[in-house]
Amino acid sequence: MINRFNSSKMLRNLTMLAFVAALAACSGTARVEPTGINDPYEQNNRKVHAFNKKIAGSGKGGGLAKAVPFEFQTMIHNVAENMSMPQVAVNSFLQGDLQGFGLATSRFAINSVLGFAGLVDAASEFKVPEHDTDFGETLYVWGVGEGAYYELPLLGPSTGRDVAGRVVDMFTNPLSNVLDSPEKYVGTAAKLTDRILKNSRRSDMISDVLGNSADSYAQARLIYLQKRRYELSRRTGTMATYDDPYAN
């Protein structure tokens, strides 16, 4: 049930973010295109990497994905994707990406109504392309630098900019402001479950990629930075194609 107070709160939050976006757009800050590695916390990052590797890259994590029917995994992914669309729409708007805003809004509307609250990806059947973004990319568009490299427990590789983006994204999904408990936590739970299942499905591949490397930490860091920089710079066309070794 939608709470009128929460609706007003959401409107205030969106208005504030739009105001900040306008100020950032007027500032003319140059977008940073890093090429090196900024890892001042490597010693601590390596400890976290060793912990993450035991969990996600041990080669033994595929059991969960094998135990859960793939059709059920697909439904969880669809719900997680659909519940994130309002957040994607907000970030697209803040980036000045009106096409992305329209795609995210259309996908949410179609899948919520025709896709049984997101259980089915009906939007793809109507040829509405997938679209994804986050506040880390919004900060990139605003000209914020990449910052230091981090490896986060369970979540894996990240950067200072993306850590900040993750925190802000916790509050930018309009659904968290308009839905009451426990409904507003469905998207978060589905997204976390989807991430766990995804890591389980690719556990053996992660183990192969990192296990065959002389330095799995350096390899994981390089893969992440190359992939993330490619994703962010596609809009400017400044980077070549990228082959994700975990993509299969």
C-alpha atoms as a PDB file:
ATOM      1  CA  MET A   1       0.000   0.000   0.000  1.00  0.00           C
ATOM      2  CA  ILE A   2       1.406   3.407  -0.965  1.00  0.00           C
ATOM      3  CA  ASN A   3       1.991   5.816   1.859  1.00  0.00           C
ATOM      4  CA  ARG A   4       1.288   9.492   1.115  1.00  0.00           C
ATOM      5  CA  PHE A   5       4.167  10.611   3.336  1.00  0.00           C
ATOM      6  CA  ASN A   6       6.580   8.304   1.550  1.00  0.00           C
ATOM      7  CA  SER A   7       5.417   9.675  -1.804  1.00  0.00           C
ATOM      8  CA  SER A   8       6.223  13.216  -0.662  1.00  0.00           C
ATOM      9  CA  LYS A   9       9.594  12.052   0.629  1.00  0.00           C
ATOM     10  CA  MET A  10      10.367  10.400  -2.715  1.00  0.00           C
ATOM     11  CA  LEU A  11       9.462  13.584  -4.570  1.00  0.00           C
ATOM     12  CA  ARG A  12      11.765  15.628  -2.356  1.00  0.00           C
ATOM     13  CA  ASN A  13      14.633  13.171  -2.868  1.00  0.00           C
ATOM     14  CA  LEU A  14      14.222  13.173  -6.643  1.00  0.00           C
ATOM     15  CA  THR A  15      13.996  16.958  -6.713  1.00  0.00           C
ATOM     16  CA  MET A  16      17.190  17.246  -4.692  1.00  0.00           C
ATOM     17  CA  LEU A  17      19.034  14.780  -6.935  1.00  0.00           C
ATOM     18  CA  ALA A  18      17.833  16.600 -10.045  1.00  0.00           C
ATOM     19  CA  PHE A  19      19.103  19.889  -8.589  1.00  0.00           C
ATOM     20  CA  VAL A  20      22.502  18.332  -7.858  1.00  0.00           C
ATOM     21  CA  ALA A  21      22.595  16.907 -11.383  1.00  0.00           C
ATOM     22  CA  ALA A  22      21.928  20.344 -12.845  1.00  0.00           C
ATOM     23  CA  LEU A  23      24.724  21.883 -10.790  1.00  0.00           C
ATOM     24  CA  ALA A  24      27.128  19.139 -11.840  1.00  0.00           C
ATOM     25  CA  ALA A  25      26.204  19.574 -15.487  1.00  0.00           C
ATOM     26  CA  CYS A  26      26.889  23.312 -15.242  1.00  0.00           C
ATOM     27  CA  SER A  27      30.238  22.833 -13.558  1.00  0.00           C
ATOM     28  CA  GLY A  28      31.901  21.550 -16.721  1.00  0.00           C
ATOM     29  CA  THR A  29      34.131  19.144 -14.785  1.00  0.00           C
ATOM     30  CA  ALA A  30      36.295  17.093 -17.136  1.00  0.00           C
ATOM     31  CA  ARG A  31      35.508  13.388 -17.204  1.00  0.00           C
ATOM     32  CA  VAL A  32      38.426  11.317 -15.916  1.00  0.00           C
ATOM     33  CA  GLU A  33      39.632   8.439 -18.122  1.00  0.00           C
ATOM     34  CA  PRO A  34      42.118   6.442 -15.970  1.00  0.00           C
ATOM     35  CA  THR A  35      44.476   3.899 -17.487  1.00  0.00           C
ATOM     36  CA  GLY A  36      46.710   2.864 -14.575  1.00  0.00           C
ATOM     37  CA  ILE A  37      46.021   1.121 -11.281  1.00  0.00           C
ATOM     38  CA  ASN A  38      45.482   3.079  -8.074  1.00  0.00           C
ATOM     39  CA  ASP A  39      45.654   0.510  -5.282  1.00  0.00           C
ATOM     40  CA  PRO A  40      46.955   2.142  -2.075  1.00  0.00           C
ATOM     41  CA  TYR A  41      45.137  -0.442   0.084  1.00  0.00           C
ATOM     42  CA  GLU A  42      46.547  -3.510  -1.645  1.00  0.00           C
ATOM     43  CA  GLN A  43      47.667  -5.243   1.542  1.00  0.00           C
ATOM     44  CA  ASN A  44      44.177  -5.198   3.044  1.00  0.00           C
ATOM     45  CA  ASN A  45      42.549  -5.845  -0.344  1.00  0.00           C
ATOM     46  CA  ARG A  46      44.562  -9.032  -0.723  1.00  0.00           C
ATOM     47  CA  LYS A  47      43.245 -10.322   2.595  1.00  0.00           C
ATOM     48  CA  VAL A  48      39.670  -9.660   1.480  1.00  0.00           C
ATOM     49  CA  HIS A  49      40.445 -11.284  -1.881  1.00  0.00           C
ATOM     50  CA  ALA A  50      41.648 -14.443  -0.170  1.00  0.00           C
ATOM     51  CA  PHE A  51      38.356 -14.572   1.753  1.00  0.00           C
ATOM     52  CA  ASN A  52      36.267 -13.956  -1.378  1.00  0.00           C
ATOM     53  CA  LYS A  53      38.222 -16.511  -3.355  1.00  0.00           C
ATOM     54  CA  LYS A  54      37.459 -19.214  -0.810  1.00  0.00           C
ATOM     55  CA  ILE A  55      33.748 -18.494  -1.144  1.00  0.00           C
ATOM     56  CA  ALA A  56      33.137 -17.584  -4.787  1.00  0.00           C
ATOM     57  CA  GLY A  57      36.143 -18.946  -6.611  1.00  0.00           C
ATOM     58  CA  SER A  58      36.860 -22.201  -4.858  1.00  0.00           C
ATOM     59  CA  GLY A  59      35.345 -24.297  -7.599  1.00  0.00           C
ATOM     60  CA  LYS A  60      32.893 -25.717  -5.051  1.00  0.00           C
ATOM     61  CA  GLY A  61      30.284 -22.968  -5.235  1.00  0.00           C
ATOM     62  CA  GLY A  62      28.335 -24.387  -8.145  1.00  0.00           C
ATOM     63  CA  GLY A  63      26.271 -26.678  -5.950  1.00  0.00           C
ATOM     64  CA  LEU A  64      23.669 -24.055  -5.087  1.00  0.00           C
ATOM     65  CA  ALA A  65      22.956 -23.178  -8.720  1.00  0.00           C
ATOM     66  CA  LYS A  66      22.676 -26.876  -9.559  1.00  0.00           C
ATOM     67  CA  ALA A  67      20.242 -27.435  -6.701  1.00  0.00           C
ATOM     68  CA  VAL A  68      17.892 -24.594  -7.685  1.00  0.00           C
ATOM     69  CA  PRO A  69      15.850 -25.186 -10.885  1.00  0.00           C
ATOM     70  CA  PHE A  70      17.010 -22.869 -13.659  1.00  0.00           C
ATOM     71  CA  GLU A  71      13.435 -21.728 -14.318  1.00  0.00           C
ATOM     72  CA  PHE A  72      13.218 -20.507 -10.717  1.00  0.00           C
ATOM     73  CA  GLN A  73      16.576 -18.757 -11.055  1.00  0.00           C
ATOM     74  CA  THR A  74      15.253 -17.017 -14.158  1.00  0.00           C
ATOM     75  CA  MET A  75      12.188 -15.773 -12.303  1.00  0.00           C
ATOM     76  CA  ILE A  76      14.343 -14.420  -9.469  1.00  0.00           C
ATOM     77  CA  HIS A  77      16.529 -12.631 -12.008  1.00  0.00           C
ATOM     78  CA  ASN A  78      13.472 -11.192 -13.757  1.00  0.00           C
ATOM     79  CA  VAL A  79      12.020  -9.866 -10.488  1.00  0.00           C
ATOM     80  CA  ALA A  80      15.372  -8.388  -9.444  1.00  0.00           C
ATOM     81  CA  GLU A  81      15.783  -6.708 -12.824  1.00  0.00           C
ATOM     82  CA  ASN A  82      12.248  -5.360 -12.860  1.00  0.00           C
ATOM     83  CA  MET A  83      12.376  -3.984  -9.320  1.00  0.00           C
ATOM     84  CA  SER A  84      15.609  -2.170 -10.178  1.00  0.00           C
ATOM     85  CA  MET A  85      14.144  -0.386 -13.211  1.00  0.00           C
ATOM     86  CA  PRO A  86      12.825   2.663 -11.282  1.00  0.00           C
ATOM     87  CA  GLN A  87      16.340   3.128  -9.889  1.00  0.00           C
ATOM     88  CA  VAL A  88      17.802   2.741 -13.376  1.00  0.00           C
ATOM     89  CA  ALA A  89      15.315   5.329 -14.625  1.00  0.00           C
ATOM     90  CA  VAL A  90      16.376   7.795 -11.915  1.00  0.00           C
ATOM     91  CA  ASN A  91      20.071   7.361 -12.731  1.00  0.00           C
ATOM     92  CA  SER A  92      19.405   7.658 -16.464  1.00  0.00           C
ATOM     93  CA  PHE A  93      17.575  10.933 -15.817  1.00  0.00           C
ATOM     94  CA  LEU A  94      20.440  12.232 -13.670  1.00  0.00           C
ATOM     95  CA  GLN A  95      22.845  11.354 -16.500  1.00  0.00           C
ATOM     96  CA  GLY A  96      20.744  13.242 -19.024  1.00  0.00           C
ATOM     97  CA  ASP A  97      20.044   9.966 -20.827  1.00  0.00           C
ATOM     98  CA  LEU A  98      16.426  10.409 -21.866  1.00  0.00           C
ATOM     99  CA  GLN A  99      16.463   7.319 -24.065  1.00  0.00           C
ATOM    100  CA  GLY A 100      17.675   5.191 -21.148  1.00  0.00           C
ATOM    101  CA  PHE A 101      15.048   6.780 -18.911  1.00  0.00           C
ATOM    102  CA  GLY A 102      12.355   5.816 -21.408  1.00  0.00           C
ATOM    103  CA  LEU A 103      13.644   2.251 -21.763  1.00  0.00           C
ATOM    104  CA  ALA A 104      13.786   1.679 -18.012  1.00  0.00           C
ATOM    105  CA  THR A 105      10.325   3.166 -17.509  1.00  0.00           C
ATOM    106  CA  SER A 106       8.858   1.117 -20.368  1.00  0.00           C
ATOM    107  CA  ARG A 107      10.400  -2.128 -19.169  1.00  0.00           C
ATOM    108  CA  PHE A 108       9.097  -1.587 -15.639  1.00  0.00           C
ATOM    109  CA  ALA A 109       5.588  -0.756 -16.828  1.00  0.00           C
ATOM    110  CA  ILE A 110       5.351  -3.682 -19.255  1.00  0.00           C
ATOM    111  CA  ASN A 111       6.879  -6.310 -16.968  1.00  0.00           C
ATOM    112  CA  SER A 112       4.910  -5.154 -13.929  1.00  0.00           C
ATOM    113  CA  VAL A 113       1.585  -5.415 -15.768  1.00  0.00           C
ATOM    114  CA  LEU A 114       2.044  -8.067 -18.458  1.00  0.00           C
ATOM    115  CA  GLY A 115       4.913  -9.908 -16.803  1.00  0.00           C
ATOM    116  CA  PHE A 116       3.029 -10.775 -13.603  1.00  0.00           C
ATOM    117  CA  ALA A 117       4.876  -8.282 -11.372  1.00  0.00           C
ATOM    118  CA  GLY A 118       8.160  -9.005 -13.111  1.00  0.00           C
ATOM    119  CA  LEU A 119       8.187 -12.802 -12.962  1.00  0.00           C
ATOM    120  CA  VAL A 120       8.235 -12.871 -16.774  1.00  0.00           C
ATOM    121  CA  ASP A 121      10.332 -10.648 -19.033  1.00  0.00           C
ATOM    122  CA  ALA A 122       7.434  -9.567 -21.237  1.00  0.00           C
ATOM    123  CA  ALA A 123       9.254  -6.376 -22.289  1.00  0.00           C
ATOM    124  CA  SER A 124      11.838  -8.368 -24.233  1.00  0.00           C
ATOM    125  CA  GLU A 125       8.999 -10.100 -26.081  1.00  0.00           C
ATOM    126  CA  PHE A 126       7.902  -6.613 -27.174  1.00  0.00           C
ATOM    127  CA  LYS A 127      11.490  -5.911 -28.346  1.00  0.00           C
ATOM    128  CA  VAL A 128      12.168  -3.345 -25.596  1.00  0.00           C
ATOM    129  CA  PRO A 129      15.963  -3.505 -25.123  1.00  0.00           C
ATOM    130  CA  GLU A 130      17.478  -4.147 -21.725  1.00  0.00           C
ATOM    131  CA  HIS A 131      19.023  -1.149 -20.010  1.00  0.00           C
ATOM    132  CA  ASP A 132      21.106  -0.926 -16.872  1.00  0.00           C
ATOM    133  CA  THR A 133      23.054   1.766 -15.056  1.00  0.00           C
ATOM    134  CA  ASP A 134      23.875   2.827 -11.510  1.00  0.00           C
ATOM    135  CA  PHE A 135      24.919   5.839  -9.482  1.00  0.00           C
ATOM    136  CA  GLY A 136      28.569   4.933 -10.004  1.00  0.00           C
ATOM    137  CA  GLU A 137      28.013   5.636 -13.687  1.00  0.00           C
ATOM    138  CA  THR A 138      26.108   8.788 -12.784  1.00  0.00           C
ATOM    139  CA  LEU A 139      29.155  10.012 -10.856  1.00  0.00           C
ATOM    140  CA  TYR A 140      31.310   9.148 -13.868  1.00  0.00           C
ATOM    141  CA  VAL A 141      29.069  11.224 -16.131  1.00  0.00           C
ATOM    142  CA  TRP A 142      29.291  14.100 -13.658  1.00  0.00           C
ATOM    143  CA  GLY A 143      33.090  13.991 -13.907  1.00  0.00           C
ATOM    144  CA  VAL A 144      33.946  12.297 -10.607  1.00  0.00           C
ATOM    145  CA  GLY A 145      37.264  10.435 -10.666  1.00  0.00           C
ATOM    146  CA  GLU A 146      37.576   6.681 -10.297  1.00  0.00           C
ATOM    147  CA  GLY A 147      39.346   6.776  -6.930  1.00  0.00           C
ATOM    148  CA  ALA A 148      41.226   3.949  -5.276  1.00  0.00           C
ATOM    149  CA  TYR A 149      40.675   0.261  -5.983  1.00  0.00           C
ATOM    150  CA  TYR A 150      38.920  -1.812  -3.319  1.00  0.00           C
ATOM    151  CA  GLU A 151      37.955  -5.429  -2.923  1.00  0.00           C
ATOM    152  CA  LEU A 152      34.828  -5.654  -0.797  1.00  0.00           C
ATOM    153  CA  PRO A 153      33.839  -8.722   1.251  1.00  0.00           C
ATOM    154  CA  LEU A 154      31.393 -10.884  -0.748  1.00  0.00           C
ATOM    155  CA  LEU A 155      30.690  -8.049  -3.238  1.00  0.00           C
ATOM    156  CA  GLY A 156      34.139  -8.271  -4.799  1.00  0.00           C
ATOM    157  CA  PRO A 157      36.162  -5.667  -6.738  1.00  0.00           C
ATOM    158  CA  SER A 158      35.118  -2.027  -6.765  1.00  0.00           C
ATOM    159  CA  THR A 159      36.505   1.513  -6.826  1.00  0.00           C
ATOM    160  CA  GLY A 160      36.058   4.501  -4.557  1.00  0.00           C
ATOM    161  CA  ARG A 161      33.591   6.001  -6.991  1.00  0.00           C
ATOM    162  CA  ASP A 162      31.568   2.802  -7.235  1.00  0.00           C
ATOM    163  CA  VAL A 163      31.573   2.276  -3.465  1.00  0.00           C
ATOM    164  CA  ALA A 164      29.983   5.703  -3.120  1.00  0.00           C
ATOM    165  CA  GLY A 165      27.590   4.791  -5.921  1.00  0.00           C
ATOM    166  CA  ARG A 166      26.526   1.601  -4.147  1.00  0.00           C
ATOM    167  CA  VAL A 167      25.709   3.566  -1.003  1.00  0.00           C
ATOM    168  CA  VAL A 168      23.656   6.183  -2.856  1.00  0.00           C
ATOM    169  CA  ASP A 169      21.847   3.514  -4.871  1.00  0.00           C
ATOM    170  CA  MET A 170      20.457   2.176  -1.614  1.00  0.00           C
ATOM    171  CA  PHE A 171      18.315   5.309  -1.427  1.00  0.00           C
ATOM    172  CA  THR A 172      17.560   6.205  -5.058  1.00  0.00           C
ATOM    173  CA  ASN A 173      15.021   3.517  -5.901  1.00  0.00           C
ATOM    174  CA  PRO A 174      11.593   5.227  -5.792  1.00  0.00           C
ATOM    175  CA  LEU A 175       9.973   1.910  -4.827  1.00  0.00           C
ATOM    176  CA  SER A 176      11.662   2.035  -1.422  1.00  0.00           C
ATOM    177  CA  ASN A 177       9.834   5.300  -0.782  1.00  0.00           C
ATOM    178  CA  VAL A 178       6.379   4.365  -2.020  1.00  0.00           C
ATOM    179  CA  LEU A 179       6.057   0.760  -0.818  1.00  0.00           C
ATOM    180  CA  ASP A 180       5.427  -0.305   2.760  1.00  0.00           C
ATOM    181  CA  SER A 181       7.217  -3.137   4.521  1.00  0.00           C
ATOM    182  CA  PRO A 182       7.813  -5.914   3.691  1.00  0.00           C
ATOM    183  CA  GLU A 183       7.083  -5.246  -0.015  1.00  0.00           C
ATOM    184  CA  LYS A 184       9.822  -2.634  -0.338  1.00  0.00           C
ATOM    185  CA  TYR A 185      12.462  -5.231   0.530  1.00  0.00           C
ATOM    186  CA  VAL A 186      11.464  -7.681  -2.210  1.00  0.00           C
ATOM    187  CA  GLY A 187      13.718  -6.029  -4.796  1.00  0.00           C
ATOM    188  CA  THR A 188      16.743  -6.015  -2.482  1.00  0.00           C
ATOM    189  CA  ALA A 189      16.210  -9.656  -1.504  1.00  0.00           C
ATOM    190  CA  ALA A 190      15.737 -10.709  -5.142  1.00  0.00           C
ATOM    191  CA  LYS A 191      18.850  -8.796  -6.228  1.00  0.00           C
ATOM    192  CA  LEU A 192      20.981 -10.356  -3.494  1.00  0.00           C
ATOM    193  CA  THR A 193      19.673 -13.845  -4.268  1.00  0.00           C
ATOM    194  CA  ASP A 194      20.244 -13.303  -7.987  1.00  0.00           C
ATOM    195  CA  ARG A 195      23.844 -12.239  -7.293  1.00  0.00           C
ATOM    196  CA  ILE A 196      24.481 -15.311  -5.133  1.00  0.00           C
ATOM    197  CA  LEU A 197      23.063 -17.642  -7.778  1.00  0.00           C
ATOM    198  CA  LYS A 198      25.030 -15.910 -10.527  1.00  0.00           C
ATOM    199  CA  ASN A 199      28.277 -16.312  -8.578  1.00  0.00           C
ATOM    200  CA  SER A 200      27.380 -19.948  -7.966  1.00  0.00           C
ATOM    201  CA  ARG A 201      26.778 -20.582 -11.677  1.00  0.00           C
ATOM    202  CA  ARG A 202      30.155 -19.161 -12.629  1.00  0.00           C
ATOM    203  CA  SER A 203      32.099 -20.505  -9.655  1.00  0.00           C
ATOM    204  CA  ASP A 204      33.995 -23.088 -11.705  1.00  0.00           C
ATOM    205  CA  MET A 205      34.890 -20.506 -14.347  1.00  0.00           C
ATOM    206  CA  ILE A 206      36.130 -18.034 -11.733  1.00  0.00           C
ATOM    207  CA  SER A 207      38.220 -20.817 -10.237  1.00  0.00           C
ATOM    208  CA  ASP A 208      39.742 -21.626 -13.637  1.00  0.00           C
ATOM    209  CA  VAL A 209      40.507 -18.006 -14.526  1.00  0.00           C
ATOM    210  CA  LEU A 210      41.992 -17.096 -11.164  1.00  0.00           C
ATOM    211  CA  GLY A 211      43.500 -20.502 -10.376  1.00  0.00           C
ATOM    212  CA  ASN A 212      45.549 -20.541 -13.576  1.00  0.00           C
ATOM    213  CA  SER A 213      46.988 -17.109 -12.812  1.00  0.00           C
ATOM    214  CA  ALA A 214      50.291 -16.595 -11.019  1.00  0.00           C
ATOM    215  CA  ASP A 215      48.646 -13.808  -9.002  1.00  0.00           C
ATOM    216  CA  SER A 216      44.882 -14.227  -8.752  1.00  0.00           C
ATOM    217  CA  TYR A 217      44.451 -10.899  -6.941  1.00  0.00           C
ATOM    218  CA  ALA A 218      46.219  -8.920  -9.660  1.00  0.00           C
ATOM    219  CA  GLN A 219      44.275 -10.842 -12.320  1.00  0.00           C
ATOM    220  CA  ALA A 220      40.896 -10.171 -10.690  1.00  0.00           C
ATOM    221  CA  ARG A 221      41.793  -6.501 -10.252  1.00  0.00           C
ATOM    222  CA  LEU A 222      42.827  -6.134 -13.886  1.00  0.00           C
ATOM    223  CA  ILE A 223      39.706  -7.896 -15.180  1.00  0.00           C
ATOM    224  CA  TYR A 224      37.414  -5.719 -13.104  1.00  0.00           C
ATOM    225  CA  LEU A 225      39.065  -2.404 -13.959  1.00  0.00           C
ATOM    226  CA  GLN A 226      39.161  -3.200 -17.680  1.00  0.00           C
ATOM    227  CA  LYS A 227      35.522  -4.299 -17.696  1.00  0.00           C
ATOM    228  CA  ARG A 228      34.227  -1.380 -15.633  1.00  0.00           C
ATOM    229  CA  ARG A 229      36.188   1.222 -17.596  1.00  0.00           C
ATOM    230  CA  TYR A 230      34.895  -0.251 -20.826  1.00  0.00           C
ATOM    231  CA  GLU A 231      31.305  -0.186 -19.592  1.00  0.00           C
ATOM    232  CA  LEU A 232      31.592   3.458 -18.537  1.00  0.00           C
ATOM    233  CA  SER A 233      33.401   4.693 -21.626  1.00  0.00           C
ATOM    234  CA  ARG A 234      31.106   3.069 -24.201  1.00  0.00           C
ATOM    235  CA  ARG A 235      29.056   6.268 -24.312  1.00  0.00           C
ATOM    236  CA  THR A 236      32.155   8.197 -25.429  1.00  0.00           C
ATOM    237  CA  GLY A 237      33.454   5.530 -27.809  1.00  0.00           C
ATOM    238  CA  THR A 238      36.972   5.865 -26.389  1.00  0.00           C
ATOM    239  CA  MET A 239      37.739   2.205 -25.711  1.00  0.00           C
ATOM    240  CA  ALA A 240      37.994  -0.921 -27.845  1.00  0.00           C
ATOM    241  CA  THR A 241      35.842  -3.994 -27.412  1.00  0.00           C
ATOM    242  CA  TYR A 242      36.271  -6.032 -24.257  1.00  0.00           C
ATOM    243  CA  ASP A 243      35.998  -9.800 -23.840  1.00  0.00           C
ATOM    244  CA  ASP A 244      34.830 -10.734 -20.338  1.00  0.00           C
ATOM    245  CA  PRO A 245      36.535 -14.018 -19.288  1.00  0.00           C
ATOM    246  CA  TYR A 246      33.611 -14.700 -16.899  1.00  0.00           C
ATOM    247  CA  ALA A 247      30.907 -14.078 -19.514  1.00  0.00           C
ATOM    248  CA  ASN A 248      30.228 -17.641 -20.673  1.00  0.00           C
END
